[in-house]
Amino acid sequence: MNDSHFKASLKAPLASASTSAAPQPDPSQKQATLLRIGKVSDASGISRAYIYQLCKEGRFPKPVTLVPGGTSVAWVASEIEAWVNERIAKRDQEA
């Protein structure tokens, strides 16, 4: 078997597997960005422990579980940004 035929045979299974493995994203929708707890703490100015407390109380956006059955979580960046903007708007209304 020559080298080019061998390389082509390696690529074929990969191409067919990738098309059926995951759904293709809708190009009209913006892809969500996920933030881990450190970035959420930096963006909000709130400690990690207090973020989890606020989530439990329903006063902060809920995290997304990254792996089904796992313990790793992250937050949707746009939800954190909206939460921060709500705090700013509330402050401005009170002023």
C-alpha atoms as a PDB file:
ATOM      1  CA  MET A   1       0.000   0.000   0.000  1.00  0.00           C
ATOM      2  CA  ASN A   2       1.481   3.353  -0.959  1.00  0.00           C
ATOM      3  CA  ASP A   3       1.765   6.247   1.500  1.00  0.00           C
ATOM      4  CA  SER A   4      -1.016   8.428   0.015  1.00  0.00           C
ATOM      5  CA  HIS A   5      -3.514   5.537  -0.019  1.00  0.00           C
ATOM      6  CA  PHE A   6      -2.666   4.762   3.629  1.00  0.00           C
ATOM      7  CA  LYS A   7      -3.237   8.390   4.698  1.00  0.00           C
ATOM      8  CA  ALA A   8      -6.546   8.499   2.817  1.00  0.00           C
ATOM      9  CA  SER A   9      -7.734   5.315   4.542  1.00  0.00           C
ATOM     10  CA  LEU A  10      -6.973   6.857   7.936  1.00  0.00           C
ATOM     11  CA  LYS A  11      -8.988   9.989   7.185  1.00  0.00           C
ATOM     12  CA  ALA A  12     -12.139   8.227   5.945  1.00  0.00           C
ATOM     13  CA  PRO A  13     -13.305   6.738   9.280  1.00  0.00           C
ATOM     14  CA  LEU A  14     -12.622  10.013  11.086  1.00  0.00           C
ATOM     15  CA  ALA A  15     -14.724  12.032   8.665  1.00  0.00           C
ATOM     16  CA  SER A  16     -17.728   9.712   8.943  1.00  0.00           C
ATOM     17  CA  ALA A  17     -17.468   9.514  12.737  1.00  0.00           C
ATOM     18  CA  SER A  18     -17.347  13.266  13.204  1.00  0.00           C
ATOM     19  CA  THR A  19     -20.535  13.920  11.241  1.00  0.00           C
ATOM     20  CA  SER A  20     -22.654  11.547  13.340  1.00  0.00           C
ATOM     21  CA  ALA A  21     -21.069  12.149  16.760  1.00  0.00           C
ATOM     22  CA  ALA A  22     -22.467  15.574  17.637  1.00  0.00           C
ATOM     23  CA  PRO A  23     -25.178  17.834  16.273  1.00  0.00           C
ATOM     24  CA  GLN A  24     -23.961  20.764  14.237  1.00  0.00           C
ATOM     25  CA  PRO A  25     -24.417  24.179  15.906  1.00  0.00           C
ATOM     26  CA  ASP A  26     -26.954  26.600  14.479  1.00  0.00           C
ATOM     27  CA  PRO A  27     -24.893  29.435  12.925  1.00  0.00           C
ATOM     28  CA  SER A  28     -27.670  31.930  13.738  1.00  0.00           C
ATOM     29  CA  GLN A  29     -27.190  31.356  17.472  1.00  0.00           C
ATOM     30  CA  LYS A  30     -24.241  32.745  19.406  1.00  0.00           C
ATOM     31  CA  GLN A  31     -22.314  30.094  21.288  1.00  0.00           C
ATOM     32  CA  ALA A  32     -22.554  30.479  25.064  1.00  0.00           C
ATOM     33  CA  THR A  33     -19.365  30.950  27.035  1.00  0.00           C
ATOM     34  CA  LEU A  34     -18.996  29.162  30.350  1.00  0.00           C
ATOM     35  CA  LEU A  35     -17.043  30.577  33.275  1.00  0.00           C
ATOM     36  CA  ARG A  36     -15.551  28.587  36.112  1.00  0.00           C
ATOM     37  CA  ILE A  37     -15.917  29.805  39.701  1.00  0.00           C
ATOM     38  CA  GLY A  38     -12.696  31.857  39.761  1.00  0.00           C
ATOM     39  CA  LYS A  39     -13.733  33.916  36.745  1.00  0.00           C
ATOM     40  CA  VAL A  40     -17.267  34.333  38.155  1.00  0.00           C
ATOM     41  CA  SER A  41     -15.790  35.580  41.416  1.00  0.00           C
ATOM     42  CA  ASP A  42     -13.540  38.011  39.529  1.00  0.00           C
ATOM     43  CA  ALA A  43     -16.413  39.265  37.346  1.00  0.00           C
ATOM     44  CA  SER A  44     -18.857  39.734  40.222  1.00  0.00           C
ATOM     45  CA  GLY A  45     -16.511  40.777  43.004  1.00  0.00           C
ATOM     46  CA  ILE A  46     -18.100  38.143  45.259  1.00  0.00           C
ATOM     47  CA  SER A  47     -16.267  35.373  47.098  1.00  0.00           C
ATOM     48  CA  ARG A  48     -16.610  31.792  45.954  1.00  0.00           C
ATOM     49  CA  ALA A  49     -18.432  30.728  49.113  1.00  0.00           C
ATOM     50  CA  TYR A  50     -20.918  33.589  48.866  1.00  0.00           C
ATOM     51  CA  ILE A  51     -21.603  32.802  45.187  1.00  0.00           C
ATOM     52  CA  TYR A  52     -22.614  29.259  46.152  1.00  0.00           C
ATOM     53  CA  GLN A  53     -24.753  30.595  49.011  1.00  0.00           C
ATOM     54  CA  LEU A  54     -26.540  33.058  46.708  1.00  0.00           C
ATOM     55  CA  CYS A  55     -27.138  30.264  44.163  1.00  0.00           C
ATOM     56  CA  LYS A  56     -28.668  28.104  46.873  1.00  0.00           C
ATOM     57  CA  GLU A  57     -30.949  31.002  47.871  1.00  0.00           C
ATOM     58  CA  GLY A  58     -31.948  31.612  44.231  1.00  0.00           C
ATOM     59  CA  ARG A  59     -30.360  35.085  44.225  1.00  0.00           C
ATOM     60  CA  PHE A  60     -27.598  34.339  41.708  1.00  0.00           C
ATOM     61  CA  PRO A  61     -27.616  32.507  38.348  1.00  0.00           C
ATOM     62  CA  LYS A  62     -27.512  28.734  38.680  1.00  0.00           C
ATOM     63  CA  PRO A  63     -24.413  26.909  37.465  1.00  0.00           C
ATOM     64  CA  VAL A  64     -24.373  24.363  34.659  1.00  0.00           C
ATOM     65  CA  THR A  65     -23.060  20.869  35.371  1.00  0.00           C
ATOM     66  CA  LEU A  66     -20.215  20.275  32.934  1.00  0.00           C
ATOM     67  CA  VAL A  67     -20.318  16.474  32.937  1.00  0.00           C
ATOM     68  CA  PRO A  68     -23.467  14.478  33.675  1.00  0.00           C
ATOM     69  CA  GLY A  69     -23.031  12.872  37.075  1.00  0.00           C
ATOM     70  CA  GLY A  70     -19.918  14.953  37.757  1.00  0.00           C
ATOM     71  CA  THR A  71     -19.231  17.707  40.234  1.00  0.00           C
ATOM     72  CA  SER A  72     -17.623  20.302  37.944  1.00  0.00           C
ATOM     73  CA  VAL A  73     -19.809  23.320  37.275  1.00  0.00           C
ATOM     74  CA  ALA A  74     -19.568  26.589  35.380  1.00  0.00           C
ATOM     75  CA  TRP A  75     -21.783  29.615  34.831  1.00  0.00           C
ATOM     76  CA  VAL A  76     -23.105  31.077  31.581  1.00  0.00           C
ATOM     77  CA  ALA A  77     -21.119  34.275  31.006  1.00  0.00           C
ATOM     78  CA  SER A  78     -24.088  36.231  29.646  1.00  0.00           C
ATOM     79  CA  GLU A  79     -26.129  35.384  32.766  1.00  0.00           C
ATOM     80  CA  ILE A  80     -23.350  36.645  35.037  1.00  0.00           C
ATOM     81  CA  GLU A  81     -23.038  39.813  32.973  1.00  0.00           C
ATOM     82  CA  ALA A  82     -26.811  40.351  33.165  1.00  0.00           C
ATOM     83  CA  TRP A  83     -26.746  39.829  36.935  1.00  0.00           C
ATOM     84  CA  VAL A  84     -23.980  42.415  37.355  1.00  0.00           C
ATOM     85  CA  ASN A  85     -25.865  44.856  35.094  1.00  0.00           C
ATOM     86  CA  GLU A  86     -29.013  44.358  37.211  1.00  0.00           C
ATOM     87  CA  ARG A  87     -27.038  45.299  40.336  1.00  0.00           C
ATOM     88  CA  ILE A  88     -25.800  48.456  38.595  1.00  0.00           C
ATOM     89  CA  ALA A  89     -29.314  49.368  37.409  1.00  0.00           C
ATOM     90  CA  LYS A  90     -30.725  48.870  40.895  1.00  0.00           C
ATOM     91  CA  ARG A  91     -28.014  51.085  42.351  1.00  0.00           C
ATOM     92  CA  ASP A  92     -28.773  53.798  39.798  1.00  0.00           C
ATOM     93  CA  GLN A  93     -32.514  53.665  40.557  1.00  0.00           C
ATOM     94  CA  GLU A  94     -31.857  54.137  44.266  1.00  0.00           C
ATOM     95  CA  ALA A  95     -29.560  57.115  43.719  1.00  0.00           C
END
